[in-house]
Amino acid sequence: MAGSGSSEVRTPIFSGENYEFWRIKMVTIFKSHGLWALVEKGIPVSDSKKKKAEGSSEEEDDEKTVAAYMRDAKALGIIQNAVSDQIFPRIANADTAKTAWDLLYGEYHGGDQVRSVKLQNLRREFEYTRMRDDETLSGYLTRLNELINQMKTFGEVLSNERLVQKVLISLSKPYDPICLVIENTKCIDKVDLQEVLAILKSQEQRFDMHNVDATDKAFGSFSVSSKGQQQRDNSQSSGSKKNWNGEGKKWDSKPQS
């Protein structure tokens, strides 16, 4: 039981956003269970003539039909468990996996016009995306990669040259020198994106090292100045004590007659 449970694929929960990503993950899950053909095409309709030609009995046909309905129920259960409580009412009346799947596909996948509008918005967002001043390189690349993947789900595939250009022109100002070096030493239309990213990540590590060194120096200078101030305070305190006697009265430097 433990072994079989550990091999189960965790189903993603669809709550109304990022349908294309959810659909791709669900197709993979159905294929892993051998259920995708059933979800995509529905329960196969029995062909009596073909079965008679193959010499199959009615009992065998009934067993196959029952098995098909059981597998369909399993696929329908996977879909029902993979949607949130807000989405579930849309497929509550679906009695087959194909029916539930087609309902979600028709509502959230959208027609050609809807997909065209979404893709146009993603293109616009891609053009205006820039690295923020307070953002790390890794964080920005993750955000940019998510946007690129969304464009792929709508059929937009960006070339390696286009991605390299986008990265180089959208980084924050501290990366201008290294971007200039890449542009002057590499052929932009041929250099691989992963090579450019490796150079930029190496530069990010140098930035981090410089920041650590600057912090250590600042802390060291603060410690030294604190010690010097403490020594000066101690010397002033000891000098002032010399002018006072044991009874708390100030010593009189003039000799008494």
C-alpha atoms as a PDB file:
ATOM      1  CA  MET A   1       0.000   0.000   0.000  1.00  0.00           C
ATOM      2  CA  ALA A   2       2.779   2.428   0.869  1.00  0.00           C
ATOM      3  CA  GLY A   3       4.574   1.714  -2.379  1.00  0.00           C
ATOM      4  CA  SER A   4       1.481   2.252  -4.512  1.00  0.00           C
ATOM      5  CA  GLY A   5       0.603   5.454  -2.661  1.00  0.00           C
ATOM      6  CA  SER A   6       4.035   6.949  -3.216  1.00  0.00           C
ATOM      7  CA  SER A   7       3.720   6.453  -6.986  1.00  0.00           C
ATOM      8  CA  GLU A   8       0.457   8.405  -7.231  1.00  0.00           C
ATOM      9  CA  VAL A   9       0.679  11.621  -9.219  1.00  0.00           C
ATOM     10  CA  ARG A  10      -0.618  14.651  -7.341  1.00  0.00           C
ATOM     11  CA  THR A  11      -3.450  16.302  -9.270  1.00  0.00           C
ATOM     12  CA  PRO A  12      -3.336  20.109  -9.611  1.00  0.00           C
ATOM     13  CA  ILE A  13      -6.396  22.076  -8.487  1.00  0.00           C
ATOM     14  CA  PHE A  14      -8.021  24.322 -11.095  1.00  0.00           C
ATOM     15  CA  SER A  15      -9.610  27.442  -9.606  1.00  0.00           C
ATOM     16  CA  GLY A  16     -10.377  29.359 -12.788  1.00  0.00           C
ATOM     17  CA  GLU A  17      -6.902  30.678 -13.679  1.00  0.00           C
ATOM     18  CA  ASN A  18      -4.102  29.326 -15.870  1.00  0.00           C
ATOM     19  CA  TYR A  19      -6.363  26.769 -17.499  1.00  0.00           C
ATOM     20  CA  GLU A  20      -3.830  25.899 -20.226  1.00  0.00           C
ATOM     21  CA  PHE A  21      -1.203  24.886 -17.661  1.00  0.00           C
ATOM     22  CA  TRP A  22      -3.760  22.843 -15.736  1.00  0.00           C
ATOM     23  CA  ARG A  23      -4.942  21.107 -18.912  1.00  0.00           C
ATOM     24  CA  ILE A  24      -1.397  20.066 -19.890  1.00  0.00           C
ATOM     25  CA  LYS A  25      -0.763  18.600 -16.419  1.00  0.00           C
ATOM     26  CA  MET A  26      -4.088  16.750 -16.445  1.00  0.00           C
ATOM     27  CA  VAL A  27      -3.429  15.202 -19.857  1.00  0.00           C
ATOM     28  CA  THR A  28      -0.168  13.814 -18.498  1.00  0.00           C
ATOM     29  CA  ILE A  29      -1.965  12.351 -15.471  1.00  0.00           C
ATOM     30  CA  PHE A  30      -4.622  10.697 -17.653  1.00  0.00           C
ATOM     31  CA  LYS A  31      -1.942   9.195 -19.881  1.00  0.00           C
ATOM     32  CA  SER A  32      -0.107   7.815 -16.859  1.00  0.00           C
ATOM     33  CA  HIS A  33      -3.319   5.974 -15.855  1.00  0.00           C
ATOM     34  CA  GLY A  34      -4.101   4.885 -19.419  1.00  0.00           C
ATOM     35  CA  LEU A  35      -7.287   6.992 -19.417  1.00  0.00           C
ATOM     36  CA  TRP A  36      -6.556   9.782 -21.888  1.00  0.00           C
ATOM     37  CA  ALA A  37      -8.179   8.078 -24.898  1.00  0.00           C
ATOM     38  CA  LEU A  38     -11.314   7.553 -22.799  1.00  0.00           C
ATOM     39  CA  VAL A  39     -11.413  11.220 -21.722  1.00  0.00           C
ATOM     40  CA  GLU A  40     -10.685  12.521 -25.208  1.00  0.00           C
ATOM     41  CA  LYS A  41     -13.019  10.253 -27.221  1.00  0.00           C
ATOM     42  CA  GLY A  42     -15.481   8.957 -24.646  1.00  0.00           C
ATOM     43  CA  ILE A  43     -16.692   5.417 -23.935  1.00  0.00           C
ATOM     44  CA  PRO A  44     -16.330   3.347 -27.105  1.00  0.00           C
ATOM     45  CA  VAL A  45     -19.642   2.382 -28.701  1.00  0.00           C
ATOM     46  CA  SER A  46     -20.061  -1.390 -29.090  1.00  0.00           C
ATOM     47  CA  ASP A  47     -20.231  -2.695 -32.649  1.00  0.00           C
ATOM     48  CA  SER A  48     -22.341  -5.857 -32.581  1.00  0.00           C
ATOM     49  CA  LYS A  49     -21.404  -6.899 -36.106  1.00  0.00           C
ATOM     50  CA  LYS A  50     -17.709  -6.584 -35.413  1.00  0.00           C
ATOM     51  CA  LYS A  51     -18.029  -8.534 -32.187  1.00  0.00           C
ATOM     52  CA  LYS A  52     -19.935 -11.324 -33.870  1.00  0.00           C
ATOM     53  CA  ALA A  53     -17.254 -11.504 -36.535  1.00  0.00           C
ATOM     54  CA  GLU A  54     -14.612 -11.782 -33.833  1.00  0.00           C
ATOM     55  CA  GLY A  55     -16.626 -14.507 -32.132  1.00  0.00           C
ATOM     56  CA  SER A  56     -16.928 -12.779 -28.751  1.00  0.00           C
ATOM     57  CA  SER A  57     -19.760 -13.827 -26.432  1.00  0.00           C
ATOM     58  CA  GLU A  58     -22.333 -11.570 -24.804  1.00  0.00           C
ATOM     59  CA  GLU A  59     -20.800 -12.167 -21.381  1.00  0.00           C
ATOM     60  CA  GLU A  60     -17.430 -10.969 -22.637  1.00  0.00           C
ATOM     61  CA  ASP A  61     -19.103  -7.912 -24.156  1.00  0.00           C
ATOM     62  CA  ASP A  62     -20.832  -7.142 -20.866  1.00  0.00           C
ATOM     63  CA  GLU A  63     -17.582  -7.468 -18.947  1.00  0.00           C
ATOM     64  CA  LYS A  64     -15.827  -5.098 -21.342  1.00  0.00           C
ATOM     65  CA  THR A  65     -18.664  -2.598 -21.078  1.00  0.00           C
ATOM     66  CA  VAL A  66     -18.641  -2.704 -17.282  1.00  0.00           C
ATOM     67  CA  ALA A  67     -14.850  -2.284 -17.257  1.00  0.00           C
ATOM     68  CA  ALA A  68     -15.110   0.698 -19.625  1.00  0.00           C
ATOM     69  CA  TYR A  69     -17.692   2.402 -17.402  1.00  0.00           C
ATOM     70  CA  MET A  70     -15.551   1.780 -14.337  1.00  0.00           C
ATOM     71  CA  ARG A  71     -12.531   3.345 -16.005  1.00  0.00           C
ATOM     72  CA  ASP A  72     -14.661   6.263 -17.127  1.00  0.00           C
ATOM     73  CA  ALA A  73     -15.899   6.755 -13.574  1.00  0.00           C
ATOM     74  CA  LYS A  74     -12.307   6.772 -12.383  1.00  0.00           C
ATOM     75  CA  ALA A  75     -11.399   9.466 -14.958  1.00  0.00           C
ATOM     76  CA  LEU A  76     -14.457  11.513 -13.993  1.00  0.00           C
ATOM     77  CA  GLY A  77     -13.452  11.260 -10.333  1.00  0.00           C
ATOM     78  CA  ILE A  78      -9.974  12.569 -11.166  1.00  0.00           C
ATOM     79  CA  ILE A  79     -11.489  15.594 -12.916  1.00  0.00           C
ATOM     80  CA  GLN A  80     -13.909  16.283 -10.064  1.00  0.00           C
ATOM     81  CA  ASN A  81     -11.094  16.154  -7.498  1.00  0.00           C
ATOM     82  CA  ALA A  82      -8.922  18.426  -9.639  1.00  0.00           C
ATOM     83  CA  VAL A  83     -11.266  21.457  -9.555  1.00  0.00           C
ATOM     84  CA  SER A  84     -12.032  23.850  -6.722  1.00  0.00           C
ATOM     85  CA  ASP A  85     -15.425  24.113  -5.025  1.00  0.00           C
ATOM     86  CA  GLN A  86     -16.162  27.216  -7.097  1.00  0.00           C
ATOM     87  CA  ILE A  87     -15.595  25.375 -10.389  1.00  0.00           C
ATOM     88  CA  PHE A  88     -17.236  22.073  -9.451  1.00  0.00           C
ATOM     89  CA  PRO A  89     -20.865  23.212 -10.057  1.00  0.00           C
ATOM     90  CA  ARG A  90     -20.003  23.626 -13.755  1.00  0.00           C
ATOM     91  CA  ILE A  91     -19.390  19.889 -14.119  1.00  0.00           C
ATOM     92  CA  ALA A  92     -21.636  18.571 -11.336  1.00  0.00           C
ATOM     93  CA  ASN A  93     -24.200  17.203 -13.817  1.00  0.00           C
ATOM     94  CA  ALA A  94     -21.641  15.593 -16.153  1.00  0.00           C
ATOM     95  CA  ASP A  95     -22.062  11.815 -16.116  1.00  0.00           C
ATOM     96  CA  THR A  96     -18.963  10.964 -18.168  1.00  0.00           C
ATOM     97  CA  ALA A  97     -15.360  12.118 -18.096  1.00  0.00           C
ATOM     98  CA  LYS A  98     -15.539  13.380 -21.683  1.00  0.00           C
ATOM     99  CA  THR A  99     -18.595  15.501 -20.908  1.00  0.00           C
ATOM    100  CA  ALA A 100     -16.901  17.146 -17.906  1.00  0.00           C
ATOM    101  CA  TRP A 101     -13.661  17.638 -19.816  1.00  0.00           C
ATOM    102  CA  ASP A 102     -15.420  19.221 -22.812  1.00  0.00           C
ATOM    103  CA  LEU A 103     -17.390  21.584 -20.553  1.00  0.00           C
ATOM    104  CA  LEU A 104     -14.232  22.968 -18.978  1.00  0.00           C
ATOM    105  CA  TYR A 105     -12.448  23.086 -22.323  1.00  0.00           C
ATOM    106  CA  GLY A 106     -15.263  25.009 -23.969  1.00  0.00           C
ATOM    107  CA  GLU A 107     -15.552  27.567 -21.182  1.00  0.00           C
ATOM    108  CA  TYR A 108     -11.919  28.258 -20.328  1.00  0.00           C
ATOM    109  CA  HIS A 109      -9.971  27.349 -23.444  1.00  0.00           C
ATOM    110  CA  GLY A 110     -12.016  29.810 -25.487  1.00  0.00           C
ATOM    111  CA  GLY A 111     -12.482  30.206 -29.199  1.00  0.00           C
ATOM    112  CA  ASP A 112      -9.999  31.566 -31.703  1.00  0.00           C
ATOM    113  CA  GLN A 113     -11.031  35.160 -31.034  1.00  0.00           C
ATOM    114  CA  VAL A 114     -10.591  34.832 -27.275  1.00  0.00           C
ATOM    115  CA  ARG A 115      -7.231  33.109 -27.656  1.00  0.00           C
ATOM    116  CA  SER A 116      -6.073  35.791 -30.072  1.00  0.00           C
ATOM    117  CA  VAL A 117      -6.912  38.545 -27.572  1.00  0.00           C
ATOM    118  CA  LYS A 118      -5.142  36.718 -24.735  1.00  0.00           C
ATOM    119  CA  LEU A 119      -2.055  36.161 -26.858  1.00  0.00           C
ATOM    120  CA  GLN A 120      -1.977  39.814 -27.868  1.00  0.00           C
ATOM    121  CA  ASN A 121      -2.080  40.844 -24.202  1.00  0.00           C
ATOM    122  CA  LEU A 122       0.772  38.455 -23.416  1.00  0.00           C
ATOM    123  CA  ARG A 123       2.823  39.871 -26.271  1.00  0.00           C
ATOM    124  CA  ARG A 124       2.298  43.386 -24.946  1.00  0.00           C
ATOM    125  CA  GLU A 125       3.246  42.326 -21.435  1.00  0.00           C
ATOM    126  CA  PHE A 126       6.373  40.628 -22.797  1.00  0.00           C
ATOM    127  CA  GLU A 127       7.466  43.782 -24.631  1.00  0.00           C
ATOM    128  CA  TYR A 128       7.098  46.023 -21.568  1.00  0.00           C
ATOM    129  CA  THR A 129       8.516  43.627 -18.973  1.00  0.00           C
ATOM    130  CA  ARG A 130      11.647  45.009 -17.311  1.00  0.00           C
ATOM    131  CA  MET A 131      13.818  43.979 -14.391  1.00  0.00           C
ATOM    132  CA  ARG A 132      13.057  46.052 -11.294  1.00  0.00           C
ATOM    133  CA  ASP A 133      15.863  47.771  -9.386  1.00  0.00           C
ATOM    134  CA  ASP A 134      15.101  45.815  -6.219  1.00  0.00           C
ATOM    135  CA  GLU A 135      14.762  42.490  -8.050  1.00  0.00           C
ATOM    136  CA  THR A 136      17.355  39.734  -8.243  1.00  0.00           C
ATOM    137  CA  LEU A 137      18.416  38.305 -11.579  1.00  0.00           C
ATOM    138  CA  SER A 138      17.057  34.861 -10.682  1.00  0.00           C
ATOM    139  CA  GLY A 139      13.719  36.346  -9.665  1.00  0.00           C
ATOM    140  CA  TYR A 140      13.413  38.322 -12.874  1.00  0.00           C
ATOM    141  CA  LEU A 141      14.333  35.357 -15.088  1.00  0.00           C
ATOM    142  CA  THR A 142      11.719  33.226 -13.321  1.00  0.00           C
ATOM    143  CA  ARG A 143       9.067  35.881 -13.894  1.00  0.00           C
ATOM    144  CA  LEU A 144      10.058  36.262 -17.535  1.00  0.00           C
ATOM    145  CA  ASN A 145      10.103  32.494 -18.090  1.00  0.00           C
ATOM    146  CA  GLU A 146       6.566  32.138 -16.729  1.00  0.00           C
ATOM    147  CA  LEU A 147       5.389  34.735 -19.230  1.00  0.00           C
ATOM    148  CA  ILE A 148       7.156  32.939 -22.085  1.00  0.00           C
ATOM    149  CA  ASN A 149       5.546  29.629 -21.104  1.00  0.00           C
ATOM    150  CA  GLN A 150       2.102  31.228 -21.121  1.00  0.00           C
ATOM    151  CA  MET A 151       2.761  32.469 -24.646  1.00  0.00           C
ATOM    152  CA  LYS A 152       3.764  28.943 -25.680  1.00  0.00           C
ATOM    153  CA  THR A 153       0.429  27.554 -24.533  1.00  0.00           C
ATOM    154  CA  PHE A 154      -1.252  29.887 -27.029  1.00  0.00           C
ATOM    155  CA  GLY A 155       1.044  28.808 -29.858  1.00  0.00           C
ATOM    156  CA  GLU A 156       3.598  31.629 -29.679  1.00  0.00           C
ATOM    157  CA  VAL A 157       7.152  30.298 -29.919  1.00  0.00           C
ATOM    158  CA  LEU A 158       9.927  32.880 -29.561  1.00  0.00           C
ATOM    159  CA  SER A 159      13.264  32.357 -31.270  1.00  0.00           C
ATOM    160  CA  ASN A 160      16.543  32.065 -29.370  1.00  0.00           C
ATOM    161  CA  GLU A 161      17.736  35.369 -30.880  1.00  0.00           C
ATOM    162  CA  ARG A 162      14.574  37.165 -29.732  1.00  0.00           C
ATOM    163  CA  LEU A 163      14.949  35.851 -26.183  1.00  0.00           C
ATOM    164  CA  VAL A 164      18.615  36.857 -25.992  1.00  0.00           C
ATOM    165  CA  GLN A 165      17.762  40.369 -27.160  1.00  0.00           C
ATOM    166  CA  LYS A 166      14.936  40.632 -24.660  1.00  0.00           C
ATOM    167  CA  VAL A 167      17.118  39.624 -21.728  1.00  0.00           C
ATOM    168  CA  LEU A 168      19.954  42.004 -22.622  1.00  0.00           C
ATOM    169  CA  ILE A 169      17.750  45.075 -23.083  1.00  0.00           C
ATOM    170  CA  SER A 170      15.520  44.495 -20.068  1.00  0.00           C
ATOM    171  CA  LEU A 171      18.024  44.114 -17.223  1.00  0.00           C
ATOM    172  CA  SER A 172      18.554  46.800 -14.602  1.00  0.00           C
ATOM    173  CA  LYS A 173      21.302  49.444 -14.881  1.00  0.00           C
ATOM    174  CA  PRO A 174      24.048  47.607 -12.891  1.00  0.00           C
ATOM    175  CA  TYR A 175      24.114  44.962 -15.636  1.00  0.00           C
ATOM    176  CA  ASP A 176      24.747  47.467 -18.446  1.00  0.00           C
ATOM    177  CA  PRO A 177      28.540  46.897 -18.548  1.00  0.00           C
ATOM    178  CA  ILE A 178      28.325  43.109 -18.809  1.00  0.00           C
ATOM    179  CA  CYS A 179      25.511  43.366 -21.375  1.00  0.00           C
ATOM    180  CA  LEU A 180      27.700  45.678 -23.437  1.00  0.00           C
ATOM    181  CA  VAL A 181      30.546  43.168 -23.275  1.00  0.00           C
ATOM    182  CA  ILE A 182      28.249  40.361 -24.444  1.00  0.00           C
ATOM    183  CA  GLU A 183      26.930  42.434 -27.346  1.00  0.00           C
ATOM    184  CA  ASN A 184      30.462  43.361 -28.465  1.00  0.00           C
ATOM    185  CA  THR A 185      32.024  39.917 -28.085  1.00  0.00           C
ATOM    186  CA  LYS A 186      29.173  37.575 -29.027  1.00  0.00           C
ATOM    187  CA  CYS A 187      27.140  37.176 -32.184  1.00  0.00           C
ATOM    188  CA  ILE A 188      23.642  37.865 -30.875  1.00  0.00           C
ATOM    189  CA  ASP A 189      21.877  35.943 -33.623  1.00  0.00           C
ATOM    190  CA  LYS A 190      23.940  32.809 -32.918  1.00  0.00           C
ATOM    191  CA  VAL A 191      24.849  32.824 -29.232  1.00  0.00           C
ATOM    192  CA  ASP A 192      22.833  30.383 -27.128  1.00  0.00           C
ATOM    193  CA  LEU A 193      20.514  31.807 -24.494  1.00  0.00           C
ATOM    194  CA  GLN A 194      21.861  29.462 -21.818  1.00  0.00           C
ATOM    195  CA  GLU A 195      25.381  30.767 -22.414  1.00  0.00           C
ATOM    196  CA  VAL A 196      24.209  34.343 -21.928  1.00  0.00           C
ATOM    197  CA  LEU A 197      22.345  33.403 -18.757  1.00  0.00           C
ATOM    198  CA  ALA A 198      25.439  31.657 -17.388  1.00  0.00           C
ATOM    199  CA  ILE A 199      27.497  34.835 -17.893  1.00  0.00           C
ATOM    200  CA  LEU A 200      24.847  36.990 -16.249  1.00  0.00           C
ATOM    201  CA  LYS A 201      24.505  34.660 -13.258  1.00  0.00           C
ATOM    202  CA  SER A 202      28.271  34.738 -12.814  1.00  0.00           C
ATOM    203  CA  GLN A 203      28.076  38.525 -12.745  1.00  0.00           C
ATOM    204  CA  GLU A 204      25.300  38.344 -10.163  1.00  0.00           C
ATOM    205  CA  GLN A 205      27.551  36.239  -7.933  1.00  0.00           C
ATOM    206  CA  ARG A 206      30.271  38.901  -8.205  1.00  0.00           C
ATOM    207  CA  PHE A 207      27.746  41.530  -7.150  1.00  0.00           C
ATOM    208  CA  ASP A 208      26.822  39.433  -4.138  1.00  0.00           C
ATOM    209  CA  MET A 209      30.500  38.996  -3.172  1.00  0.00           C
ATOM    210  CA  HIS A 210      31.121  42.740  -3.374  1.00  0.00           C
ATOM    211  CA  ASN A 211      28.078  43.411  -1.227  1.00  0.00           C
ATOM    212  CA  VAL A 212      29.307  40.954   1.405  1.00  0.00           C
ATOM    213  CA  ASP A 213      32.799  42.532   1.424  1.00  0.00           C
ATOM    214  CA  ALA A 214      31.337  46.018   1.738  1.00  0.00           C
ATOM    215  CA  THR A 215      29.171  44.898   4.640  1.00  0.00           C
ATOM    216  CA  ASP A 216      32.135  43.280   6.417  1.00  0.00           C
ATOM    217  CA  LYS A 217      34.264  46.420   5.979  1.00  0.00           C
ATOM    218  CA  ALA A 218      31.490  48.638   7.247  1.00  0.00           C
ATOM    219  CA  PHE A 219      31.009  46.409  10.273  1.00  0.00           C
ATOM    220  CA  GLY A 220      34.772  46.322  10.911  1.00  0.00           C
ATOM    221  CA  SER A 221      35.122  50.093  10.764  1.00  0.00           C
ATOM    222  CA  PHE A 222      32.165  50.436  13.108  1.00  0.00           C
ATOM    223  CA  SER A 223      33.845  48.090  15.603  1.00  0.00           C
ATOM    224  CA  VAL A 224      37.139  49.988  15.453  1.00  0.00           C
ATOM    225  CA  SER A 225      35.478  53.348  15.917  1.00  0.00           C
ATOM    226  CA  SER A 226      33.470  51.985  18.838  1.00  0.00           C
ATOM    227  CA  LYS A 227      36.645  50.727  20.540  1.00  0.00           C
ATOM    228  CA  GLY A 228      38.418  54.078  19.970  1.00  0.00           C
ATOM    229  CA  GLN A 229      35.507  55.992  21.412  1.00  0.00           C
ATOM    230  CA  GLN A 230      35.475  53.695  24.438  1.00  0.00           C
ATOM    231  CA  GLN A 231      39.208  54.238  25.021  1.00  0.00           C
ATOM    232  CA  ARG A 232      38.784  58.006  24.801  1.00  0.00           C
ATOM    233  CA  ASP A 233      35.899  57.875  27.238  1.00  0.00           C
ATOM    234  CA  ASN A 234      37.994  55.822  29.670  1.00  0.00           C
ATOM    235  CA  SER A 235      40.975  58.212  29.461  1.00  0.00           C
ATOM    236  CA  GLN A 236      38.755  61.223  30.059  1.00  0.00           C
ATOM    237  CA  SER A 237      37.129  59.477  32.973  1.00  0.00           C
ATOM    238  CA  SER A 238      40.480  58.578  34.585  1.00  0.00           C
ATOM    239  CA  GLY A 239      41.799  62.139  34.082  1.00  0.00           C
ATOM    240  CA  SER A 240      38.811  63.667  35.781  1.00  0.00           C
ATOM    241  CA  LYS A 241      39.177  61.318  38.750  1.00  0.00           C
ATOM    242  CA  LYS A 242      42.694  62.647  39.464  1.00  0.00           C
ATOM    243  CA  ASN A 243      41.256  66.016  40.418  1.00  0.00           C
ATOM    244  CA  TRP A 244      39.121  64.572  43.191  1.00  0.00           C
ATOM    245  CA  ASN A 245      40.156  63.193  46.605  1.00  0.00           C
ATOM    246  CA  GLY A 246      38.823  60.146  48.331  1.00  0.00           C
ATOM    247  CA  GLU A 247      36.119  62.135  50.172  1.00  0.00           C
ATOM    248  CA  GLY A 248      34.565  63.311  46.930  1.00  0.00           C
ATOM    249  CA  LYS A 249      36.113  66.825  47.206  1.00  0.00           C
ATOM    250  CA  LYS A 250      38.142  68.333  44.438  1.00  0.00           C
ATOM    251  CA  TRP A 251      41.882  68.564  45.078  1.00  0.00           C
ATOM    252  CA  ASP A 252      43.183  72.061  45.501  1.00  0.00           C
ATOM    253  CA  SER A 253      46.345  72.502  43.495  1.00  0.00           C
ATOM    254  CA  LYS A 254      47.344  75.636  45.444  1.00  0.00           C
ATOM    255  CA  PRO A 255      49.426  75.071  48.634  1.00  0.00           C
ATOM    256  CA  GLN A 256      47.688  76.120  51.827  1.00  0.00           C
ATOM    257  CA  SER A 257      49.470  78.520  54.178  1.00  0.00           C
END
